[in-house]
Every structure is written in structure tokens, then in C-alpha cells.
Amino acid sequence: MPYLSKLQVIARGPQNRQFYLICPAPLAAALDLEKGEPLEWVLKDRNTFEIRRVSQRTPAKGGRV
């Protein structure tokens, strides 16, 4: 099931911009993402990128990784 997001930009001065891509809550829940969890973005080509967990997590009590 696809989830749509919009890229947000916050300008902190004329040359200092930060870009934010929001992960929808249902997708974050399905991936069992946690606040502050480090993620790695890998650019495959101009239209494709992967987001990976930086380190292996220990399984939660429900058996999910």
C-alpha cells in the first residue's frame, strides 16, 4: 500500500535550508520505527533511494525486529 508524503523545507537564512521528508505514522508503525532511531539513506539513482537501519535491533517482546 503506498503512502504519500510531501517534502518540506525550512529556510534558516538565505543559504541555510533543511529538508524534511515525513514518514506517515502507519508506515512508521509497520516498520516498528522508534523516535531518534538512526537511519541511513542510500541513493540508488535519481528516482530511487533506500532507507536502512544503521544497526541491527534486538527483537521486541512481540517477536518483531
Protein backbone atom coordinates (compact mmCIF):
# COMPACT_ATOMS: atom_id res chain seq x y z
CA MET A 1 0.00 0.00 0.00
CA PRO A 2 1.58 3.33 -0.99
CA TYR A 3 1.85 6.25 1.42
CA LEU A 4 2.24 9.78 0.06
CA SER A 5 4.48 12.40 1.68
CA LYS A 6 5.46 15.93 0.78
CA LEU A 7 8.97 17.26 1.07
CA GLN A 8 9.13 20.19 3.48
CA VAL A 9 11.81 22.87 3.51
CA ILE A 10 12.71 25.15 6.39
CA ALA A 11 14.85 28.17 5.48
CA ARG A 12 17.13 29.34 8.28
CA GLY A 13 18.67 32.28 6.46
CA PRO A 14 19.41 32.93 2.79
CA GLN A 15 21.67 29.89 2.27
CA ASN A 16 20.84 27.54 5.13
CA ARG A 17 17.92 25.25 4.26
CA GLN A 18 16.87 21.98 5.86
CA PHE A 19 14.74 19.45 4.00
CA TYR A 20 12.35 17.13 5.81
CA LEU A 21 10.59 14.06 4.48
CA ILE A 22 7.83 12.99 6.82
CA CYS A 23 7.23 9.27 7.40
CA PRO A 24 3.47 8.67 7.81
CA ALA A 25 2.52 7.18 11.20
CA PRO A 26 1.03 3.93 9.76
CA LEU A 27 4.25 3.27 7.83
CA ALA A 28 6.44 4.03 10.87
CA ALA A 29 4.31 1.67 12.97
CA ALA A 30 4.52 -1.11 10.36
CA LEU A 31 8.32 -0.71 10.33
CA ASP A 32 8.44 -0.50 14.14
CA LEU A 33 10.45 2.74 13.93
CA GLU A 34 11.39 4.43 17.18
CA LYS A 35 11.92 8.12 17.94
CA GLY A 36 15.58 9.06 17.48
CA GLU A 37 16.46 5.80 15.72
CA PRO A 38 19.42 6.33 13.35
CA LEU A 39 18.60 5.63 9.70
CA GLU A 40 20.83 5.60 6.62
CA TRP A 41 19.67 6.95 3.25
CA VAL A 42 21.22 5.30 0.18
CA LEU A 43 20.76 6.90 -3.24
CA LYS A 44 20.33 4.26 -5.96
CA ASP A 45 19.53 6.67 -8.82
CA ARG A 46 17.66 9.96 -9.26
CA ASN A 47 14.30 8.26 -8.65
CA THR A 48 15.16 5.56 -6.12
CA PHE A 49 16.61 5.58 -2.64
CA GLU A 50 16.64 3.14 0.26
CA ILE A 51 16.32 3.86 3.94
CA ARG A 52 18.13 1.36 6.16
CA ARG A 53 18.51 0.89 9.87
CA VAL A 54 22.09 1.71 10.90
CA SER A 55 22.37 -1.14 13.41
CA GLN A 56 20.60 -4.44 13.98
CA ARG A 57 17.94 -4.13 16.65
CA THR A 58 17.07 -6.78 19.18
CA PRO A 59 13.61 -8.32 18.73
CA ALA A 60 10.80 -6.77 20.74
CA LYS A 61 8.65 -8.92 23.02
CA GLY A 62 6.19 -9.47 20.19
CA GLY A 63 8.94 -11.05 18.08
CA ARG A 64 9.21 -8.14 15.64
CA VAL A 65 12.66 -6.85 14.70
